[in-house]
Structure formats: structure tokens, C-alpha cells
Amino acid sequence: MVKDQYLVDKLKQNDLKTLDRIYLTYKEEFFLFAHTFFIPSEDISDIYQETIISLYENVQDQKLEQLTSSLKTYLFAIGKFKIYKQLNKNKKIYHGEGIIHVSEEMKVFEAEIDDQRQIALKRSWTSLGEKCQEILELYYYKGMTLNEIQEALKYSSKDVLKSQKSRCLKQLKQLVRGKYE
């Protein structure tokens, strides 16, 4: 069992004191991390609050039942995705260098990605099929829902799209591992 699992278990029981403790424990470190993206403090505050709310909702909606990483890694992955969405909304991130921002779901999306892994991810991204790039970019980079992607790419069902996205993630993980090792 991951060391922070007991915190998730307490959140399952609606223990709001635990939520407050989590909020205070990671706040300062998250702000330092988010400042590296040159985001104003008031935006960071909003993003952090949204991140904490997402964590709580994920536990309550049973999307998060068992941690596979530390709570900090999980929390920062949510936060990093929200930061990228904010930057993208403000048109401060450009998708010109073949860079993709992916979620913690892939274990590639961590609080800090070292240079070698970033290079491996870029190379792997270019090796990935065009359809996979399109699906992953729409889902992770542009923040579209599966329903929106299904409509945009004319998939016959959401389940087919979900399976395709899963295969694409698996393929990208394998490519990254091959280039990183």
C-alpha cells in the first residue's frame, strides 16, 4: 500500500480536516512549483484550490480509490494539467516543438520531468501514429472530453474512442521506455 493511502481513505469518509491538512501540507511547495511557469500568484491560488477540489471530487466519485503514487505526485499531476490548461487558455503555450503534456495516468507526467525523459518523450511523440497524436493532443493538451473528441473525429462510439486512447497511451509509454532506457 502506498504511504498516503490512509489520507485517501479518510477523504472517502468525508473527513474535511484531512482535506484541510492536505491543502496546507502541499500549498507552499505547489506555489513554488507553479511559479516556475511564470503564473501570477492569484492564478496559482485559484489553480491550487481547483486542484484540491478535483482531488476531493475524484475520491468522492470513486475515480481515485487506490493511490499508485504518492499523494503529492497525484496532486501535482492534477495541478500541472490545470496549469497547462490555464497557460493554453492564455495562449502562452505553443505546440510547435512536438511537445505534449500528458497526465499522471501515463507515469510520464510527473511533478518534475528530467531532460532525458523530456527528450525521450519528444522523440516518442514523433514516432507515434498521426491518429494517436491527434487523440492524445485533443484529450490532454486541449482538454477536450471524450464526448467532444468522439464528435470531432467522428468515432462511432465513446467506447471505441476510449479503447483507442488507451492503446495510444500504452504505445507512447512503450516508446518512451525504449528511448529512455
Protein backbone atom coordinates (compact mmCIF):
# COMPACT_ATOMS: atom_id res chain seq x y z
CA MET A 1 0.00 0.00 0.00
CA VAL A 2 1.25 3.50 -0.88
CA LYS A 3 2.16 5.51 2.21
CA ASP A 4 -0.51 8.21 1.67
CA GLN A 5 -3.37 5.79 1.08
CA TYR A 6 -4.69 6.39 4.60
CA LEU A 7 -5.34 10.04 3.62
CA VAL A 8 -7.43 8.94 0.64
CA ASP A 9 -9.30 6.53 2.91
CA LYS A 10 -10.08 9.39 5.31
CA LEU A 11 -11.32 11.54 2.40
CA LYS A 12 -13.64 8.69 1.39
CA GLN A 13 -15.24 9.16 4.82
CA ASN A 14 -15.74 12.91 4.16
CA ASP A 15 -13.07 13.84 6.69
CA LEU A 16 -12.71 17.54 5.87
CA LYS A 17 -9.97 18.02 8.48
CA THR A 18 -7.83 15.68 6.40
CA LEU A 19 -8.62 17.76 3.31
CA ASP A 20 -7.53 20.89 5.19
CA ARG A 21 -4.33 19.15 6.28
CA ILE A 22 -3.57 18.09 2.70
CA TYR A 23 -4.28 21.63 1.50
CA LEU A 24 -1.86 23.16 3.99
CA THR A 25 0.81 20.46 3.62
CA TYR A 26 1.37 20.96 -0.10
CA LYS A 27 0.35 24.59 -0.61
CA GLU A 28 3.75 26.27 -0.28
CA GLU A 29 5.54 23.65 -2.36
CA PHE A 30 2.86 23.81 -5.05
CA PHE A 31 3.16 27.60 -5.24
CA LEU A 32 6.94 27.34 -5.67
CA PHE A 33 6.44 24.72 -8.37
CA ALA A 34 3.74 26.74 -10.18
CA HIS A 35 5.84 29.92 -10.12
CA THR A 36 8.31 28.19 -12.45
CA PHE A 37 5.60 28.58 -15.13
CA PHE A 38 5.53 32.37 -14.58
CA ILE A 39 1.92 32.42 -13.48
CA PRO A 40 0.59 35.26 -11.29
CA SER A 41 0.10 34.30 -7.63
CA GLU A 42 -3.65 34.92 -7.72
CA ASP A 43 -3.96 32.45 -10.63
CA ILE A 44 -1.82 29.93 -8.77
CA SER A 45 -4.08 30.26 -5.76
CA ASP A 46 -7.14 29.54 -7.92
CA ILE A 47 -5.43 26.61 -9.64
CA TYR A 48 -4.37 25.12 -6.32
CA GLN A 49 -7.88 25.40 -4.91
CA GLU A 50 -9.29 23.77 -8.07
CA THR A 51 -6.67 21.03 -7.72
CA ILE A 52 -7.68 20.30 -4.13
CA ILE A 53 -11.35 20.28 -5.14
CA SER A 54 -10.56 17.88 -8.01
CA LEU A 55 -8.73 15.57 -5.61
CA TYR A 56 -11.70 15.53 -3.25
CA GLU A 57 -14.19 15.02 -6.09
CA ASN A 58 -12.11 12.21 -7.56
CA VAL A 59 -12.19 10.43 -4.21
CA GLN A 60 -15.91 11.04 -3.68
CA ASP A 61 -16.77 9.97 -7.26
CA GLN A 62 -14.62 6.85 -6.76
CA LYS A 63 -12.30 7.82 -9.60
CA LEU A 64 -9.48 7.58 -7.06
CA GLU A 65 -9.78 4.65 -4.73
CA GLN A 66 -6.21 3.36 -4.58
CA LEU A 67 -3.10 5.52 -4.95
CA THR A 68 -0.41 4.23 -7.30
CA SER A 69 1.95 7.07 -6.44
CA SER A 70 2.42 9.43 -3.52
CA LEU A 71 -0.43 11.83 -2.86
CA LYS A 72 1.92 14.70 -3.70
CA THR A 73 2.66 13.25 -7.14
CA TYR A 74 -1.03 12.72 -7.78
CA LEU A 75 -1.91 16.22 -6.60
CA PHE A 76 0.87 17.89 -8.58
CA ALA A 77 -0.12 15.96 -11.71
CA ILE A 78 -3.64 17.35 -11.45
CA GLY A 79 -2.20 20.80 -10.77
CA LYS A 80 0.23 20.63 -13.65
CA PHE A 81 -2.57 19.70 -16.03
CA LYS A 82 -4.61 22.67 -14.75
CA ILE A 83 -1.57 24.96 -15.16
CA TYR A 84 -1.17 23.85 -18.77
CA LYS A 85 -4.87 24.43 -19.39
CA GLN A 86 -4.54 27.92 -17.91
CA LEU A 87 -1.46 28.72 -19.96
CA ASN A 88 -3.10 27.36 -23.09
CA LYS A 89 -6.21 29.44 -22.39
CA ASN A 90 -3.98 32.50 -22.11
CA LYS A 91 -2.18 31.45 -25.33
CA LYS A 92 1.19 31.16 -23.58
CA ILE A 93 1.91 27.58 -24.62
CA TYR A 94 2.52 26.70 -28.23
CA HIS A 95 2.57 23.24 -29.69
CA GLY A 96 5.37 23.78 -32.17
CA GLU A 97 8.24 21.69 -30.89
CA GLY A 98 6.35 18.41 -30.76
CA ILE A 99 5.96 18.73 -27.01
CA ILE A 100 2.98 17.04 -25.46
CA HIS A 101 1.78 17.38 -21.92
CA VAL A 102 0.26 14.19 -20.64
CA SER A 103 -1.34 13.17 -17.39
CA GLU A 104 -0.08 11.18 -14.41
CA GLU A 105 -2.10 8.31 -15.83
CA MET A 106 0.90 7.54 -18.05
CA LYS A 107 3.55 7.75 -15.31
CA VAL A 108 5.41 10.08 -17.69
CA PHE A 109 3.59 13.10 -16.39
CA GLU A 110 5.34 13.71 -13.08
CA ALA A 111 5.91 16.77 -10.96
CA GLU A 112 9.39 17.18 -12.47
CA ILE A 113 10.46 15.60 -15.75
CA ASP A 114 14.20 15.46 -16.26
CA ASP A 115 15.81 16.44 -19.56
CA GLN A 116 16.47 12.89 -20.76
CA ARG A 117 12.88 11.88 -20.24
CA GLN A 118 11.63 15.05 -21.97
CA ILE A 119 13.83 14.28 -24.98
CA ALA A 120 12.61 10.67 -25.00
CA LEU A 121 9.02 11.90 -24.87
CA LYS A 122 9.56 14.27 -27.81
CA ARG A 123 11.17 11.53 -29.91
CA SER A 124 8.50 9.03 -28.96
CA TRP A 125 5.78 11.51 -29.83
CA THR A 126 7.12 11.85 -33.37
CA SER A 127 7.16 8.04 -33.70
CA LEU A 128 3.54 7.79 -32.61
CA GLY A 129 0.92 7.45 -35.32
CA GLU A 130 -0.90 10.54 -36.54
CA LYS A 131 -4.30 9.36 -35.25
CA CYS A 132 -2.85 8.67 -31.78
CA GLN A 133 -1.17 12.06 -31.72
CA GLU A 134 -4.47 13.70 -32.61
CA ILE A 135 -6.47 11.86 -29.92
CA LEU A 136 -3.90 12.44 -27.17
CA GLU A 137 -3.40 16.07 -28.14
CA LEU A 138 -7.14 16.77 -28.07
CA TYR A 139 -7.62 14.99 -24.76
CA TYR A 140 -4.53 16.05 -22.81
CA TYR A 141 -3.30 19.22 -24.45
CA LYS A 142 -6.58 20.85 -25.46
CA GLY A 143 -8.56 19.38 -22.56
CA MET A 144 -11.44 18.08 -24.65
CA THR A 145 -13.76 15.43 -23.22
CA LEU A 146 -14.17 12.01 -24.81
CA ASN A 147 -17.64 13.05 -26.00
CA GLU A 148 -16.22 16.14 -27.72
CA ILE A 149 -13.43 14.12 -29.33
CA GLN A 150 -15.90 11.45 -30.45
CA GLU A 151 -17.95 14.11 -32.19
CA ALA A 152 -14.94 15.95 -33.67
CA LEU A 153 -13.24 12.80 -35.00
CA LYS A 154 -16.48 11.03 -35.95
CA TYR A 155 -15.99 7.93 -33.82
CA SER A 156 -18.94 5.53 -33.85
CA SER A 157 -18.92 5.13 -30.06
CA LYS A 158 -17.25 6.53 -27.00
CA ASP A 159 -16.08 3.02 -26.02
CA VAL A 160 -14.19 2.64 -29.31
CA LEU A 161 -12.52 6.01 -28.73
CA LYS A 162 -11.71 5.12 -25.13
CA SER A 163 -10.05 1.88 -26.26
CA GLN A 164 -8.10 3.72 -28.95
CA LYS A 165 -6.91 6.34 -26.43
CA SER A 166 -5.83 3.56 -24.08
CA ARG A 167 -3.87 1.80 -26.84
CA CYS A 168 -2.24 5.09 -27.81
CA LEU A 169 -1.16 5.73 -24.22
CA LYS A 170 0.25 2.24 -23.96
CA GLN A 171 2.12 2.63 -27.23
CA LEU A 172 3.54 6.00 -26.16
CA LYS A 173 4.64 4.55 -22.81
CA GLN A 174 6.43 1.71 -24.58
CA LEU A 175 8.11 4.10 -26.99
CA VAL A 176 9.26 6.35 -24.12
CA ARG A 177 10.61 3.40 -22.15
CA GLY A 178 12.51 2.18 -25.21
CA LYS A 179 14.09 5.56 -25.88
CA TYR A 180 14.68 6.41 -22.21
CA GLU A 181 16.42 3.20 -21.23
